[in-house]
Amino acid sequence: MQLKGLVRFFTVLLIIYSLYQLSFTWFVKSHEKKYEAKAKAYVKANYPSALEKFPGNKDSQVVYQDFLDKVYQERLRRLLDSTKDVTVTYGINGSVSYQKAKEEEL
């Protein structure tokens, strides 16, 4: 019965550490979601939709939509690469950049 307190202590310690590790996932997803919205807004502002560009031509719409998806992915990649040194949170050891949080997420 004397180990009961020790087991509780390590259980609480494990829960706190797990929440700390999961917080990186939450901060990274929040950061990425913000830049996904910016990438979508960029594509929407600079390129017409497939229906507007090729009304009535399904084949061209499919090809153009693939092009728009590639533009979106490239824009998102560039935005995330340009913000890898941006502080997304503050941890135990000070500020945590997006790149470091991405490496630490579960």
PDB file of N, CA and C in Angstrom:
ATOM      1  N   MET A   1       0.799  -1.196   0.000  1.00  0.00           N
ATOM      2  CA  MET A   1       0.000   0.000   0.000  1.00  0.00           C
ATOM      3  C   MET A   1       0.845   1.264   0.000  1.00  0.00           C
ATOM      4  N   GLN A   2       2.127   1.124   0.304  1.00  0.00           N
ATOM      5  CA  GLN A   2       2.971   2.309   0.366  1.00  0.00           C
ATOM      6  C   GLN A   2       3.343   2.817  -1.023  1.00  0.00           C
ATOM      7  N   LEU A   3       3.234   1.977  -2.029  1.00  0.00           N
ATOM      8  CA  LEU A   3       3.559   2.396  -3.389  1.00  0.00           C
ATOM      9  C   LEU A   3       2.392   3.109  -4.067  1.00  0.00           C
ATOM     10  N   LYS A   4       1.261   3.162  -3.406  1.00  0.00           N
ATOM     11  CA  LYS A   4       0.073   3.794  -3.961  1.00  0.00           C
ATOM     12  C   LYS A   4       0.326   5.267  -4.298  1.00  0.00           C
ATOM     13  N   GLY A   5       0.974   5.987  -3.419  1.00  0.00           N
ATOM     14  CA  GLY A   5       1.286   7.395  -3.664  1.00  0.00           C
ATOM     15  C   GLY A   5       2.266   7.567  -4.806  1.00  0.00           C
ATOM     16  N   LEU A   6       3.230   6.674  -4.909  1.00  0.00           N
ATOM     17  CA  LEU A   6       4.213   6.729  -5.991  1.00  0.00           C
ATOM     18  C   LEU A   6       3.551   6.475  -7.344  1.00  0.00           C
ATOM     19  N   VAL A   7       2.634   5.522  -7.386  1.00  0.00           N
ATOM     20  CA  VAL A   7       1.905   5.222  -8.622  1.00  0.00           C
ATOM     21  C   VAL A   7       1.060   6.423  -9.031  1.00  0.00           C
ATOM     22  N   ARG A   8       0.389   7.045  -8.096  1.00  0.00           N
ATOM     23  CA  ARG A   8      -0.412   8.236  -8.406  1.00  0.00           C
ATOM     24  C   ARG A   8       0.469   9.376  -8.907  1.00  0.00           C
ATOM     25  N   PHE A   9       1.612   9.553  -8.279  1.00  0.00           N
ATOM     26  CA  PHE A   9       2.535  10.610  -8.692  1.00  0.00           C
ATOM     27  C   PHE A   9       2.974  10.414 -10.144  1.00  0.00           C
ATOM     28  N   PHE A  10       3.388   9.200 -10.492  1.00  0.00           N
ATOM     29  CA  PHE A  10       3.833   8.945 -11.861  1.00  0.00           C
ATOM     30  C   PHE A  10       2.674   8.989 -12.857  1.00  0.00           C
ATOM     31  N   THR A  11       1.485   8.634 -12.414  1.00  0.00           N
ATOM     32  CA  THR A  11       0.314   8.740 -13.282  1.00  0.00           C
ATOM     33  C   THR A  11       0.030  10.200 -13.613  1.00  0.00           C
ATOM     34  N   VAL A  12       0.054  11.047 -12.614  1.00  0.00           N
ATOM     35  CA  VAL A  12      -0.170  12.481 -12.832  1.00  0.00           C
ATOM     36  C   VAL A  12       0.940  13.058 -13.701  1.00  0.00           C
ATOM     37  N   LEU A  13       2.169  12.662 -13.451  1.00  0.00           N
ATOM     38  CA  LEU A  13       3.300  13.125 -14.248  1.00  0.00           C
ATOM     39  C   LEU A  13       3.149  12.709 -15.708  1.00  0.00           C
ATOM     40  N   LEU A  14       2.723  11.481 -15.958  1.00  0.00           N
ATOM     41  CA  LEU A  14       2.520  10.987 -17.319  1.00  0.00           C
ATOM     42  C   LEU A  14       1.387  11.738 -18.017  1.00  0.00           C
ATOM     43  N   ILE A  15       0.328  12.036 -17.298  1.00  0.00           N
ATOM     44  CA  ILE A  15      -0.790  12.789 -17.878  1.00  0.00           C
ATOM     45  C   ILE A  15      -0.347  14.198 -18.255  1.00  0.00           C
ATOM     46  N   ILE A  16       0.397  14.848 -17.387  1.00  0.00           N
ATOM     47  CA  ILE A  16       0.883  16.207 -17.677  1.00  0.00           C
ATOM     48  C   ILE A  16       1.807  16.196 -18.884  1.00  0.00           C
ATOM     49  N   TYR A  17       2.704  15.233 -18.958  1.00  0.00           N
ATOM     50  CA  TYR A  17       3.626  15.144 -20.092  1.00  0.00           C
ATOM     51  C   TYR A  17       2.865  14.863 -21.388  1.00  0.00           C
ATOM     52  N   SER A  18       1.859  14.007 -21.334  1.00  0.00           N
ATOM     53  CA  SER A  18       1.060  13.700 -22.524  1.00  0.00           C
ATOM     54  C   SER A  18       0.320  14.936 -23.024  1.00  0.00           C
ATOM     55  N   LEU A  19      -0.253  15.694 -22.113  1.00  0.00           N
ATOM     56  CA  LEU A  19      -0.935  16.930 -22.506  1.00  0.00           C
ATOM     57  C   LEU A  19       0.039  17.939 -23.104  1.00  0.00           C
ATOM     58  N   TYR A  20       1.236  18.004 -22.560  1.00  0.00           N
ATOM     59  CA  TYR A  20       2.265  18.895 -23.099  1.00  0.00           C
ATOM     60  C   TYR A  20       2.605  18.492 -24.532  1.00  0.00           C
ATOM     61  N   GLN A  21       2.778  17.198 -24.785  1.00  0.00           N
ATOM     62  CA  GLN A  21       3.099  16.727 -26.131  1.00  0.00           C
ATOM     63  C   GLN A  21       1.931  16.966 -27.085  1.00  0.00           C
ATOM     64  N   LEU A  22       0.709  16.738 -26.620  1.00  0.00           N
ATOM     65  CA  LEU A  22      -0.460  16.963 -27.468  1.00  0.00           C
ATOM     66  C   LEU A  22      -0.670  18.442 -27.775  1.00  0.00           C
ATOM     67  N   SER A  23      -0.207  19.312 -26.910  1.00  0.00           N
ATOM     68  CA  SER A  23      -0.364  20.742 -27.167  1.00  0.00           C
ATOM     69  C   SER A  23       0.397  21.163 -28.419  1.00  0.00           C
ATOM     70  N   PHE A  24       1.510  20.508 -28.726  1.00  0.00           N
ATOM     71  CA  PHE A  24       2.246  20.825 -29.948  1.00  0.00           C
ATOM     72  C   PHE A  24       1.389  20.534 -31.173  1.00  0.00           C
ATOM     73  N   THR A  25       0.684  19.418 -31.146  1.00  0.00           N
ATOM     74  CA  THR A  25      -0.199  19.078 -32.258  1.00  0.00           C
ATOM     75  C   THR A  25      -1.270  20.149 -32.425  1.00  0.00           C
ATOM     76  N   TRP A  26      -1.850  20.598 -31.326  1.00  0.00           N
ATOM     77  CA  TRP A  26      -2.893  21.606 -31.400  1.00  0.00           C
ATOM     78  C   TRP A  26      -2.352  22.920 -31.964  1.00  0.00           C
ATOM     79  N   PHE A  27      -1.181  23.357 -31.501  1.00  0.00           N
ATOM     80  CA  PHE A  27      -0.605  24.612 -31.992  1.00  0.00           C
ATOM     81  C   PHE A  27      -0.218  24.520 -33.466  1.00  0.00           C
ATOM     82  N   VAL A  28       0.323  23.382 -33.886  1.00  0.00           N
ATOM     83  CA  VAL A  28       0.707  23.211 -35.288  1.00  0.00           C
ATOM     84  C   VAL A  28      -0.532  23.209 -36.173  1.00  0.00           C
ATOM     85  N   LYS A  29      -1.562  22.481 -35.792  1.00  0.00           N
ATOM     86  CA  LYS A  29      -2.791  22.438 -36.593  1.00  0.00           C
ATOM     87  C   LYS A  29      -3.436  23.816 -36.678  1.00  0.00           C
ATOM     88  N   SER A  30      -3.418  24.558 -35.597  1.00  0.00           N
ATOM     89  CA  SER A  30      -3.970  25.904 -35.598  1.00  0.00           C
ATOM     90  C   SER A  30      -3.193  26.808 -36.554  1.00  0.00           C
ATOM     91  N   HIS A  31      -1.884  26.732 -36.507  1.00  0.00           N
ATOM     92  CA  HIS A  31      -1.021  27.528 -37.387  1.00  0.00           C
ATOM     93  C   HIS A  31      -1.256  27.150 -38.848  1.00  0.00           C
ATOM     94  N   GLU A  32      -1.306  25.852 -39.131  1.00  0.00           N
ATOM     95  CA  GLU A  32      -1.496  25.394 -40.507  1.00  0.00           C
ATOM     96  C   GLU A  32      -2.877  25.761 -41.032  1.00  0.00           C
ATOM     97  N   LYS A  33      -3.892  25.686 -40.188  1.00  0.00           N
ATOM     98  CA  LYS A  33      -5.251  26.031 -40.614  1.00  0.00           C
ATOM     99  C   LYS A  33      -5.334  27.502 -41.016  1.00  0.00           C
ATOM    100  N   LYS A  34      -4.646  28.356 -40.273  1.00  0.00           N
ATOM    101  CA  LYS A  34      -4.636  29.787 -40.585  1.00  0.00           C
ATOM    102  C   LYS A  34      -4.018  30.023 -41.967  1.00  0.00           C
ATOM    103  N   TYR A  35      -2.940  29.331 -42.270  1.00  0.00           N
ATOM    104  CA  TYR A  35      -2.279  29.525 -43.552  1.00  0.00           C
ATOM    105  C   TYR A  35      -2.964  28.780 -44.689  1.00  0.00           C
ATOM    106  N   GLU A  36      -3.718  27.736 -44.385  1.00  0.00           N
ATOM    107  CA  GLU A  36      -4.545  27.102 -45.410  1.00  0.00           C
ATOM    108  C   GLU A  36      -5.615  28.078 -45.884  1.00  0.00           C
ATOM    109  N   ALA A  37      -6.204  28.804 -44.960  1.00  0.00           N
ATOM    110  CA  ALA A  37      -7.209  29.808 -45.325  1.00  0.00           C
ATOM    111  C   ALA A  37      -6.587  30.910 -46.178  1.00  0.00           C
ATOM    112  N   LYS A  38      -5.366  31.320 -45.840  1.00  0.00           N
ATOM    113  CA  LYS A  38      -4.687  32.347 -46.636  1.00  0.00           C
ATOM    114  C   LYS A  38      -4.373  31.833 -48.038  1.00  0.00           C
ATOM    115  N   ALA A  39      -3.979  30.580 -48.158  1.00  0.00           N
ATOM    116  CA  ALA A  39      -3.674  30.004 -49.469  1.00  0.00           C
ATOM    117  C   ALA A  39      -4.944  29.896 -50.314  1.00  0.00           C
ATOM    118  N   LYS A  40      -6.049  29.497 -49.701  1.00  0.00           N
ATOM    119  CA  LYS A  40      -7.321  29.420 -50.430  1.00  0.00           C
ATOM    120  C   LYS A  40      -7.759  30.800 -50.894  1.00  0.00           C
ATOM    121  N   ALA A  41      -7.599  31.791 -50.032  1.00  0.00           N
ATOM    122  CA  ALA A  41      -7.974  33.158 -50.398  1.00  0.00           C
ATOM    123  C   ALA A  41      -7.103  33.663 -51.547  1.00  0.00           C
ATOM    124  N   TYR A  42      -5.826  33.310 -51.546  1.00  0.00           N
ATOM    125  CA  TYR A  42      -4.923  33.715 -52.622  1.00  0.00           C
ATOM    126  C   TYR A  42      -5.373  33.126 -53.952  1.00  0.00           C
ATOM    127  N   VAL A  43      -5.673  31.828 -53.957  1.00  0.00           N
ATOM    128  CA  VAL A  43      -6.102  31.168 -55.194  1.00  0.00           C
ATOM    129  C   VAL A  43      -7.427  31.752 -55.663  1.00  0.00           C
ATOM    130  N   LYS A  44      -8.339  31.970 -54.737  1.00  0.00           N
ATOM    131  CA  LYS A  44      -9.647  32.513 -55.101  1.00  0.00           C
ATOM    132  C   LYS A  44      -9.542  33.931 -55.655  1.00  0.00           C
ATOM    133  N   ALA A  45      -8.626  34.724 -55.117  1.00  0.00           N
ATOM    134  CA  ALA A  45      -8.479  36.114 -55.558  1.00  0.00           C
ATOM    135  C   ALA A  45      -7.752  36.237 -56.893  1.00  0.00           C
ATOM    136  N   ASN A  46      -6.850  35.312 -57.183  1.00  0.00           N
ATOM    137  CA  ASN A  46      -6.007  35.453 -58.366  1.00  0.00           C
ATOM    138  C   ASN A  46      -6.375  34.552 -59.536  1.00  0.00           C
ATOM    139  N   TYR A  47      -7.230  33.569 -59.312  1.00  0.00           N
ATOM    140  CA  TYR A  47      -7.601  32.637 -60.376  1.00  0.00           C
ATOM    141  C   TYR A  47      -9.114  32.450 -60.379  1.00  0.00           C
ATOM    142  N   PRO A  48      -9.731  32.467 -61.556  1.00  0.00           N
ATOM    143  CA  PRO A  48     -11.175  32.194 -61.601  1.00  0.00           C
ATOM    144  C   PRO A  48     -11.433  30.710 -61.331  1.00  0.00           C
ATOM    145  N   SER A  49     -12.637  30.397 -60.890  1.00  0.00           N
ATOM    146  CA  SER A  49     -12.968  28.995 -60.631  1.00  0.00           C
ATOM    147  C   SER A  49     -13.075  28.245 -61.956  1.00  0.00           C
ATOM    148  N   ALA A  50     -13.069  26.929 -61.874  1.00  0.00           N
ATOM    149  CA  ALA A  50     -13.137  26.101 -63.082  1.00  0.00           C
ATOM    150  C   ALA A  50     -14.458  26.313 -63.810  1.00  0.00           C
ATOM    151  N   LEU A  51     -15.544  26.500 -63.075  1.00  0.00           N
ATOM    152  CA  LEU A  51     -16.847  26.728 -63.707  1.00  0.00           C
ATOM    153  C   LEU A  51     -16.902  28.070 -64.425  1.00  0.00           C
ATOM    154  N   GLU A  52     -16.245  29.073 -63.875  1.00  0.00           N
ATOM    155  CA  GLU A  52     -16.227  30.389 -64.515  1.00  0.00           C
ATOM    156  C   GLU A  52     -15.339  30.392 -65.749  1.00  0.00           C
ATOM    157  N   LYS A  53     -14.222  29.711 -65.667  1.00  0.00           N
ATOM    158  CA  LYS A  53     -13.253  29.740 -66.765  1.00  0.00           C
ATOM    159  C   LYS A  53     -13.705  28.879 -67.942  1.00  0.00           C
ATOM    160  N   PHE A  54     -14.267  27.702 -67.651  1.00  0.00           N
ATOM    161  CA  PHE A  54     -14.687  26.777 -68.709  1.00  0.00           C
ATOM    162  C   PHE A  54     -16.131  26.326 -68.485  1.00  0.00           C
ATOM    163  N   PRO A  55     -17.104  27.214 -68.707  1.00  0.00           N
ATOM    164  CA  PRO A  55     -18.500  26.795 -68.519  1.00  0.00           C
ATOM    165  C   PRO A  55     -18.906  25.788 -69.598  1.00  0.00           C
ATOM    166  N   GLY A  56     -19.472  24.678 -69.178  1.00  0.00           N
ATOM    167  CA  GLY A  56     -19.968  23.689 -70.129  1.00  0.00           C
ATOM    168  C   GLY A  56     -18.932  22.708 -70.634  1.00  0.00           C
ATOM    169  N   ASN A  57     -17.675  22.838 -70.285  1.00  0.00           N
ATOM    170  CA  ASN A  57     -16.628  21.927 -70.763  1.00  0.00           C
ATOM    171  C   ASN A  57     -16.065  21.169 -69.557  1.00  0.00           C
ATOM    172  N   LYS A  58     -16.610  19.972 -69.319  1.00  0.00           N
ATOM    173  CA  LYS A  58     -16.254  19.198 -68.125  1.00  0.00           C
ATOM    174  C   LYS A  58     -14.790  18.773 -68.119  1.00  0.00           C
ATOM    175  N   ASP A  59     -14.265  18.369 -69.274  1.00  0.00           N
ATOM    176  CA  ASP A  59     -12.870  17.910 -69.326  1.00  0.00           C
ATOM    177  C   ASP A  59     -11.901  19.038 -68.967  1.00  0.00           C
ATOM    178  N   SER A  60     -12.139  20.200 -69.527  1.00  0.00           N
ATOM    179  CA  SER A  60     -11.274  21.343 -69.224  1.00  0.00           C
ATOM    180  C   SER A  60     -11.425  21.775 -67.767  1.00  0.00           C
ATOM    181  N   GLN A  61     -12.631  21.653 -67.228  1.00  0.00           N
ATOM    182  CA  GLN A  61     -12.847  21.998 -65.825  1.00  0.00           C
ATOM    183  C   GLN A  61     -12.042  21.091 -64.903  1.00  0.00           C
ATOM    184  N   VAL A  62     -12.004  19.800 -65.228  1.00  0.00           N
ATOM    185  CA  VAL A  62     -11.250  18.847 -64.401  1.00  0.00           C
ATOM    186  C   VAL A  62      -9.761  19.162 -64.450  1.00  0.00           C
ATOM    187  N   VAL A  63      -9.253  19.416 -65.644  1.00  0.00           N
ATOM    188  CA  VAL A  63      -7.827  19.727 -65.798  1.00  0.00           C
ATOM    189  C   VAL A  63      -7.490  21.033 -65.085  1.00  0.00           C
ATOM    190  N   TYR A  64      -8.340  22.038 -65.248  1.00  0.00           N
ATOM    191  CA  TYR A  64      -8.090  23.327 -64.609  1.00  0.00           C
ATOM    192  C   TYR A  64      -8.205  23.226 -63.086  1.00  0.00           C
ATOM    193  N   GLN A  65      -9.138  22.411 -62.593  1.00  0.00           N
ATOM    194  CA  GLN A  65      -9.260  22.230 -61.146  1.00  0.00           C
ATOM    195  C   GLN A  65      -8.012  21.560 -60.586  1.00  0.00           C
ATOM    196  N   ASP A  66      -7.440  20.615 -61.330  1.00  0.00           N
ATOM    197  CA  ASP A  66      -6.168  20.013 -60.910  1.00  0.00           C
ATOM    198  C   ASP A  66      -5.070  21.072 -60.838  1.00  0.00           C
ATOM    199  N   PHE A  67      -5.065  21.965 -61.823  1.00  0.00           N
ATOM    200  CA  PHE A  67      -4.093  23.057 -61.818  1.00  0.00           C
ATOM    201  C   PHE A  67      -4.285  23.951 -60.589  1.00  0.00           C
ATOM    202  N   LEU A  68      -5.546  24.286 -60.284  1.00  0.00           N
ATOM    203  CA  LEU A  68      -5.828  25.120 -59.110  1.00  0.00           C
ATOM    204  C   LEU A  68      -5.403  24.427 -57.817  1.00  0.00           C
ATOM    205  N   ASP A  69      -5.608  23.121 -57.747  1.00  0.00           N
ATOM    206  CA  ASP A  69      -5.184  22.372 -56.560  1.00  0.00           C
ATOM    207  C   ASP A  69      -3.669  22.410 -56.403  1.00  0.00           C
ATOM    208  N   LYS A  70      -2.956  22.314 -57.510  1.00  0.00           N
ATOM    209  CA  LYS A  70      -1.490  22.384 -57.452  1.00  0.00           C
ATOM    210  C   LYS A  70      -1.025  23.781 -57.044  1.00  0.00           C
ATOM    211  N   VAL A  71      -1.690  24.806 -57.551  1.00  0.00           N
ATOM    212  CA  VAL A  71      -1.355  26.182 -57.169  1.00  0.00           C
ATOM    213  C   VAL A  71      -1.593  26.370 -55.672  1.00  0.00           C
ATOM    214  N   TYR A  72      -2.705  25.848 -55.177  1.00  0.00           N
ATOM    215  CA  TYR A  72      -3.021  25.937 -53.746  1.00  0.00           C
ATOM    216  C   TYR A  72      -1.956  25.232 -52.912  1.00  0.00           C
ATOM    217  N   GLN A  73      -1.601  24.008 -53.295  1.00  0.00           N
ATOM    218  CA  GLN A  73      -0.599  23.251 -52.539  1.00  0.00           C
ATOM    219  C   GLN A  73       0.760  23.962 -52.547  1.00  0.00           C
ATOM    220  N   GLU A  74       1.132  24.512 -53.684  1.00  0.00           N
ATOM    221  CA  GLU A  74       2.411  25.221 -53.779  1.00  0.00           C
ATOM    222  C   GLU A  74       2.392  26.489 -52.925  1.00  0.00           C
ATOM    223  N   ARG A  75       1.288  27.211 -52.966  1.00  0.00           N
ATOM    224  CA  ARG A  75       1.174  28.432 -52.160  1.00  0.00           C
ATOM    225  C   ARG A  75       1.214  28.100 -50.668  1.00  0.00           C
ATOM    226  N   LEU A  76       0.525  27.040 -50.274  1.00  0.00           N
ATOM    227  CA  LEU A  76       0.523  26.614 -48.877  1.00  0.00           C
ATOM    228  C   LEU A  76       1.923  26.202 -48.445  1.00  0.00           C
ATOM    229  N   ARG A  77       2.619  25.465 -49.280  1.00  0.00           N
ATOM    230  CA  ARG A  77       3.978  25.042 -48.956  1.00  0.00           C
ATOM    231  C   ARG A  77       4.889  26.250 -48.774  1.00  0.00           C
ATOM    232  N   ARG A  78       4.767  27.219 -49.670  1.00  0.00           N
ATOM    233  CA  ARG A  78       5.606  28.418 -49.573  1.00  0.00           C
ATOM    234  C   ARG A  78       5.283  29.234 -48.319  1.00  0.00           C
ATOM    235  N   LEU A  79       4.003  29.344 -47.990  1.00  0.00           N
ATOM    236  CA  LEU A  79       3.619  30.078 -46.781  1.00  0.00           C
ATOM    237  C   LEU A  79       4.150  29.394 -45.525  1.00  0.00           C
ATOM    238  N   LEU A  80       4.004  28.081 -45.459  1.00  0.00           N
ATOM    239  CA  LEU A  80       4.470  27.357 -44.281  1.00  0.00           C
ATOM    240  C   LEU A  80       5.993  27.367 -44.189  1.00  0.00           C
ATOM    241  N   ASP A  81       6.668  27.270 -45.339  1.00  0.00           N
ATOM    242  CA  ASP A  81       8.133  27.345 -45.323  1.00  0.00           C
ATOM    243  C   ASP A  81       8.614  28.720 -44.870  1.00  0.00           C
ATOM    244  N   SER A  82       7.894  29.752 -45.269  1.00  0.00           N
ATOM    245  CA  SER A  82       8.321  31.103 -44.903  1.00  0.00           C
ATOM    246  C   SER A  82       8.044  31.420 -43.435  1.00  0.00           C
ATOM    247  N   THR A  83       7.202  30.624 -42.791  1.00  0.00           N
ATOM    248  CA  THR A  83       6.867  30.890 -41.393  1.00  0.00           C
ATOM    249  C   THR A  83       7.441  29.843 -40.446  1.00  0.00           C
ATOM    250  N   LYS A  84       8.418  29.086 -40.879  1.00  0.00           N
ATOM    251  CA  LYS A  84       8.927  28.023 -40.004  1.00  0.00           C
ATOM    252  C   LYS A  84       9.678  28.560 -38.792  1.00  0.00           C
ATOM    253  N   ASP A  85      10.113  29.809 -38.825  1.00  0.00           N
ATOM    254  CA  ASP A  85      10.789  30.397 -37.672  1.00  0.00           C
ATOM    255  C   ASP A  85       9.866  31.282 -36.830  1.00  0.00           C
ATOM    256  N   VAL A  86       8.590  31.323 -37.169  1.00  0.00           N
ATOM    257  CA  VAL A  86       7.616  32.118 -36.426  1.00  0.00           C
ATOM    258  C   VAL A  86       7.277  31.402 -35.119  1.00  0.00           C
ATOM    259  N   THR A  87       7.207  32.154 -34.045  1.00  0.00           N
ATOM    260  CA  THR A  87       6.862  31.588 -32.743  1.00  0.00           C
ATOM    261  C   THR A  87       5.373  31.258 -32.713  1.00  0.00           C
ATOM    262  N   VAL A  88       5.050  29.990 -32.436  1.00  0.00           N
ATOM    263  CA  VAL A  88       3.648  29.582 -32.354  1.00  0.00           C
ATOM    264  C   VAL A  88       3.174  29.443 -30.915  1.00  0.00           C
ATOM    265  N   THR A  89       4.101  29.222 -29.988  1.00  0.00           N
ATOM    266  CA  THR A  89       3.743  29.102 -28.576  1.00  0.00           C
ATOM    267  C   THR A  89       4.982  29.292 -27.717  1.00  0.00           C
ATOM    268  N   TYR A  90       4.761  29.317 -26.441  1.00  0.00           N
ATOM    269  CA  TYR A  90       5.863  29.394 -25.489  1.00  0.00           C
ATOM    270  C   TYR A  90       5.822  28.144 -24.625  1.00  0.00           C
ATOM    271  N   GLY A  91       6.926  27.423 -24.611  1.00  0.00           N
ATOM    272  CA  GLY A  91       7.002  26.190 -23.843  1.00  0.00           C
ATOM    273  C   GLY A  91       7.811  26.363 -22.581  1.00  0.00           C
ATOM    274  N   ILE A  92       8.254  25.261 -22.045  1.00  0.00           N
ATOM    275  CA  ILE A  92       9.041  25.257 -20.815  1.00  0.00           C
ATOM    276  C   ILE A  92      10.369  25.982 -21.021  1.00  0.00           C
ATOM    277  N   ASN A  93      10.958  25.789 -22.193  1.00  0.00           N
ATOM    278  CA  ASN A  93      12.273  26.371 -22.485  1.00  0.00           C
ATOM    279  C   ASN A  93      12.185  27.688 -23.242  1.00  0.00           C
ATOM    280  N   GLY A  94      11.055  28.337 -23.251  1.00  0.00           N
ATOM    281  CA  GLY A  94      10.916  29.606 -23.954  1.00  0.00           C
ATOM    282  C   GLY A  94      10.054  29.459 -25.193  1.00  0.00           C
ATOM    283  N   SER A  95      10.292  30.326 -26.169  1.00  0.00           N
ATOM    284  CA  SER A  95       9.457  30.325 -27.365  1.00  0.00           C
ATOM    285  C   SER A  95       9.713  29.075 -28.205  1.00  0.00           C
ATOM    286  N   VAL A  96       8.649  28.625 -28.871  1.00  0.00           N
ATOM    287  CA  VAL A  96       8.722  27.436 -29.716  1.00  0.00           C
ATOM    288  C   VAL A  96       8.314  27.849 -31.121  1.00  0.00           C
ATOM    289  N   SER A  97       9.202  27.647 -32.086  1.00  0.00           N
ATOM    290  CA  SER A  97       8.915  28.004 -33.471  1.00  0.00           C
ATOM    291  C   SER A  97       8.023  26.945 -34.110  1.00  0.00           C
ATOM    292  N   TYR A  98       7.458  27.293 -35.273  1.00  0.00           N
ATOM    293  CA  TYR A  98       6.603  26.350 -36.000  1.00  0.00           C
ATOM    294  C   TYR A  98       7.377  25.088 -36.354  1.00  0.00           C
ATOM    295  N   GLN A  99       8.605  25.242 -36.817  1.00  0.00           N
ATOM    296  CA  GLN A  99       9.407  24.082 -37.211  1.00  0.00           C
ATOM    297  C   GLN A  99       9.666  23.158 -36.018  1.00  0.00           C
ATOM    298  N   LYS A 100      10.019  23.720 -34.887  1.00  0.00           N
ATOM    299  CA  LYS A 100      10.280  22.920 -33.687  1.00  0.00           C
ATOM    300  C   LYS A 100       8.996  22.244 -33.205  1.00  0.00           C
ATOM    301  N   ALA A 101       7.881  22.967 -33.234  1.00  0.00           N
ATOM    302  CA  ALA A 101       6.605  22.383 -32.819  1.00  0.00           C
ATOM    303  C   ALA A 101       6.187  21.267 -33.772  1.00  0.00           C
ATOM    304  N   LYS A 102       6.464  21.450 -35.060  1.00  0.00           N
ATOM    305  CA  LYS A 102       6.139  20.414 -36.051  1.00  0.00           C
ATOM    306  C   LYS A 102       6.944  19.149 -35.776  1.00  0.00           C
ATOM    307  N   GLU A 103       8.195  19.304 -35.379  1.00  0.00           N
ATOM    308  CA  GLU A 103       9.030  18.150 -35.053  1.00  0.00           C
ATOM    309  C   GLU A 103       8.555  17.462 -33.771  1.00  0.00           C
ATOM    310  N   GLU A 104       7.997  18.224 -32.837  1.00  0.00           N
ATOM    311  CA  GLU A 104       7.592  17.683 -31.541  1.00  0.00           C
ATOM    312  C   GLU A 104       6.172  17.134 -31.513  1.00  0.00           C
ATOM    313  N   GLU A 105       5.363  17.447 -32.535  1.00  0.00           N
ATOM    314  CA  GLU A 105       3.967  17.007 -32.485  1.00  0.00           C
ATOM    315  C   GLU A 105       3.864  15.489 -32.597  1.00  0.00           C
ATOM    316  N   LEU A 106       2.769  14.959 -32.086  1.00  0.00           N
ATOM    317  CA  LEU A 106       2.536  13.514 -32.121  1.00  0.00           C
ATOM    318  C   LEU A 106       1.867  13.109 -33.402  1.00  0.00           C
TER     319      LEU A 106
END
